[in-house]
Amino acid sequence: MITKDAQAILLQVAHEAISYGLANGSEKRIDLNRYEPKIEEQRASFVTLYLYGELRGCIGTLEAC
């Protein structure tokens, strides 16, 4: 189970990664070393993006990779 604190951190990471990717291109990645080690565990992840309440896209995996 992921704690509420870890969920908030993961949401922050997703926001930052999207913003960073839009500004710098997809070839560069954000530095994850400044986040707590718990978020580095191999887990499945899925991100859904909405803009003004409408689905804009989603990406993810149901298996840890």
N, C-alpha and C. Protein backbone atom coordinates (compact mmCIF):
# COMPACT_ATOMS: atom_id res chain seq x y z
N MET A 1 0.84 -1.18 0.00
CA MET A 1 0.00 0.00 0.00
C MET A 1 0.89 1.25 0.00
N ILE A 2 0.50 2.24 -0.74
CA ILE A 2 1.25 3.50 -0.80
C ILE A 2 0.59 4.49 0.16
N THR A 3 1.42 5.17 0.93
CA THR A 3 0.90 6.15 1.88
C THR A 3 0.38 7.38 1.15
N LYS A 4 -0.43 8.16 1.84
CA LYS A 4 -0.95 9.42 1.26
C LYS A 4 0.20 10.35 0.91
N ASP A 5 1.23 10.37 1.76
CA ASP A 5 2.39 11.23 1.48
C ASP A 5 3.09 10.80 0.19
N ALA A 6 3.27 9.49 0.02
CA ALA A 6 3.91 8.99 -1.20
C ALA A 6 3.04 9.28 -2.42
N GLN A 7 1.72 9.17 -2.28
CA GLN A 7 0.82 9.50 -3.39
C GLN A 7 0.98 10.95 -3.80
N ALA A 8 1.07 11.85 -2.81
CA ALA A 8 1.24 13.27 -3.11
C ALA A 8 2.57 13.52 -3.82
N ILE A 9 3.62 12.83 -3.39
CA ILE A 9 4.92 12.98 -4.03
C ILE A 9 4.87 12.48 -5.47
N LEU A 10 4.23 11.34 -5.69
CA LEU A 10 4.13 10.80 -7.04
C LEU A 10 3.34 11.72 -7.96
N LEU A 11 2.29 12.34 -7.44
CA LEU A 11 1.53 13.29 -8.24
C LEU A 11 2.40 14.50 -8.59
N GLN A 12 3.19 14.97 -7.63
CA GLN A 12 4.11 16.08 -7.87
C GLN A 12 5.13 15.69 -8.94
N VAL A 13 5.67 14.48 -8.85
CA VAL A 13 6.65 14.00 -9.84
C VAL A 13 6.02 13.96 -11.23
N ALA A 14 4.79 13.46 -11.33
CA ALA A 14 4.11 13.40 -12.63
C ALA A 14 3.92 14.79 -13.21
N HIS A 15 3.48 15.73 -12.39
CA HIS A 15 3.30 17.11 -12.86
C HIS A 15 4.62 17.69 -13.33
N GLU A 16 5.66 17.50 -12.53
CA GLU A 16 6.97 18.05 -12.88
C GLU A 16 7.52 17.40 -14.16
N ALA A 17 7.35 16.09 -14.29
CA ALA A 17 7.86 15.39 -15.48
C ALA A 17 7.17 15.87 -16.75
N ILE A 18 5.87 16.08 -16.67
CA ILE A 18 5.13 16.57 -17.84
C ILE A 18 5.57 17.98 -18.19
N SER A 19 5.65 18.86 -17.21
CA SER A 19 6.08 20.24 -17.44
C SER A 19 7.49 20.29 -17.99
N TYR A 20 8.38 19.49 -17.40
CA TYR A 20 9.77 19.45 -17.83
C TYR A 20 9.87 18.93 -19.26
N GLY A 21 9.12 17.88 -19.56
CA GLY A 21 9.14 17.31 -20.91
C GLY A 21 8.65 18.28 -21.96
N LEU A 22 7.60 19.03 -21.62
CA LEU A 22 7.08 20.02 -22.56
C LEU A 22 8.08 21.15 -22.80
N ALA A 23 8.80 21.53 -21.76
CA ALA A 23 9.76 22.63 -21.88
C ALA A 23 11.09 22.20 -22.49
N ASN A 24 11.51 20.95 -22.25
CA ASN A 24 12.85 20.52 -22.62
C ASN A 24 12.91 19.38 -23.62
N GLY A 25 11.79 18.85 -24.01
CA GLY A 25 11.78 17.71 -24.91
C GLY A 25 11.82 16.41 -24.14
N SER A 26 11.45 15.35 -24.79
CA SER A 26 11.32 14.07 -24.12
C SER A 26 12.65 13.35 -23.91
N GLU A 27 13.72 13.85 -24.50
CA GLU A 27 15.01 13.19 -24.36
C GLU A 27 15.65 13.45 -22.99
N LYS A 28 15.27 14.53 -22.34
CA LYS A 28 15.81 14.86 -21.03
C LYS A 28 14.81 14.44 -19.97
N ARG A 29 15.32 14.05 -18.80
CA ARG A 29 14.45 13.60 -17.72
C ARG A 29 14.70 14.40 -16.45
N ILE A 30 13.68 14.44 -15.59
CA ILE A 30 13.84 15.14 -14.32
C ILE A 30 14.73 14.32 -13.40
N ASP A 31 15.32 14.96 -12.40
CA ASP A 31 16.18 14.31 -11.42
C ASP A 31 15.32 13.74 -10.30
N LEU A 32 15.24 12.44 -10.20
CA LEU A 32 14.43 11.80 -9.17
C LEU A 32 15.17 11.60 -7.86
N ASN A 33 16.47 11.91 -7.83
CA ASN A 33 17.28 11.69 -6.63
C ASN A 33 16.84 12.53 -5.45
N ARG A 34 16.10 13.59 -5.67
CA ARG A 34 15.70 14.45 -4.56
C ARG A 34 14.42 13.98 -3.87
N TYR A 35 13.83 12.90 -4.37
CA TYR A 35 12.62 12.36 -3.77
C TYR A 35 12.95 11.18 -2.87
N GLU A 36 12.05 10.88 -1.96
CA GLU A 36 12.31 9.79 -1.02
C GLU A 36 12.45 8.46 -1.75
N PRO A 37 13.29 7.56 -1.22
CA PRO A 37 13.56 6.28 -1.89
C PRO A 37 12.32 5.41 -2.09
N LYS A 38 11.29 5.55 -1.26
CA LYS A 38 10.10 4.70 -1.37
C LYS A 38 9.48 4.78 -2.77
N ILE A 39 9.54 5.94 -3.42
CA ILE A 39 8.92 6.05 -4.75
C ILE A 39 9.74 5.37 -5.83
N GLU A 40 10.93 4.89 -5.48
CA GLU A 40 11.76 4.20 -6.46
C GLU A 40 11.43 2.72 -6.57
N GLU A 41 10.53 2.21 -5.72
CA GLU A 41 10.15 0.81 -5.79
C GLU A 41 9.50 0.52 -7.15
N GLN A 42 9.79 -0.65 -7.70
CA GLN A 42 9.21 -1.05 -8.98
C GLN A 42 7.73 -1.36 -8.78
N ARG A 43 6.88 -0.60 -9.40
CA ARG A 43 5.44 -0.79 -9.31
C ARG A 43 4.80 -0.44 -10.65
N ALA A 44 3.57 -0.86 -10.81
CA ALA A 44 2.81 -0.44 -11.98
C ALA A 44 2.45 1.03 -11.82
N SER A 45 2.26 1.71 -12.92
CA SER A 45 1.86 3.12 -12.85
C SER A 45 0.96 3.46 -14.04
N PHE A 46 0.12 4.41 -13.81
CA PHE A 46 -0.80 4.85 -14.86
C PHE A 46 -1.12 6.32 -14.61
N VAL A 47 -1.02 7.13 -15.63
CA VAL A 47 -1.29 8.56 -15.51
C VAL A 47 -2.38 8.93 -16.51
N THR A 48 -3.39 9.61 -16.04
CA THR A 48 -4.49 10.08 -16.88
C THR A 48 -4.51 11.61 -16.84
N LEU A 49 -4.55 12.23 -17.99
CA LEU A 49 -4.53 13.69 -18.08
C LEU A 49 -5.89 14.23 -18.51
N TYR A 50 -6.36 15.21 -17.77
CA TYR A 50 -7.61 15.89 -18.10
C TYR A 50 -7.34 17.37 -18.28
N LEU A 51 -8.03 18.00 -19.18
CA LEU A 51 -7.95 19.44 -19.38
C LEU A 51 -9.38 19.96 -19.43
N TYR A 52 -9.70 20.80 -18.48
CA TYR A 52 -11.06 21.34 -18.37
C TYR A 52 -12.11 20.23 -18.29
N GLY A 53 -11.78 19.19 -17.54
CA GLY A 53 -12.71 18.09 -17.32
C GLY A 53 -12.81 17.08 -18.44
N GLU A 54 -12.06 17.28 -19.51
CA GLU A 54 -12.10 16.35 -20.64
C GLU A 54 -10.80 15.55 -20.72
N LEU A 55 -10.94 14.27 -21.02
CA LEU A 55 -9.79 13.40 -21.14
C LEU A 55 -8.89 13.86 -22.29
N ARG A 56 -7.60 14.05 -21.97
CA ARG A 56 -6.64 14.48 -22.99
C ARG A 56 -5.67 13.36 -23.33
N GLY A 57 -5.50 12.38 -22.45
CA GLY A 57 -4.61 11.27 -22.74
C GLY A 57 -4.31 10.47 -21.51
N CYS A 58 -3.78 9.29 -21.73
CA CYS A 58 -3.36 8.46 -20.61
C CYS A 58 -2.22 7.54 -21.08
N ILE A 59 -1.39 7.16 -20.13
CA ILE A 59 -0.26 6.30 -20.42
C ILE A 59 0.06 5.52 -19.15
N GLY A 60 0.57 4.33 -19.32
CA GLY A 60 0.96 3.57 -18.15
C GLY A 60 1.06 2.09 -18.42
N THR A 61 1.27 1.36 -17.35
CA THR A 61 1.40 -0.07 -17.40
C THR A 61 0.75 -0.70 -16.18
N LEU A 62 0.18 -1.85 -16.33
CA LEU A 62 -0.45 -2.53 -15.20
C LEU A 62 0.52 -3.49 -14.51
N GLU A 63 1.73 -3.60 -15.04
CA GLU A 63 2.75 -4.45 -14.44
C GLU A 63 3.97 -3.61 -14.14
N ALA A 64 4.63 -3.94 -13.02
CA ALA A 64 5.88 -3.25 -12.69
C ALA A 64 6.92 -3.56 -13.75
N CYS A 65 7.69 -2.57 -14.13
CA CYS A 65 8.72 -2.81 -15.14
C CYS A 65 10.00 -2.10 -14.78
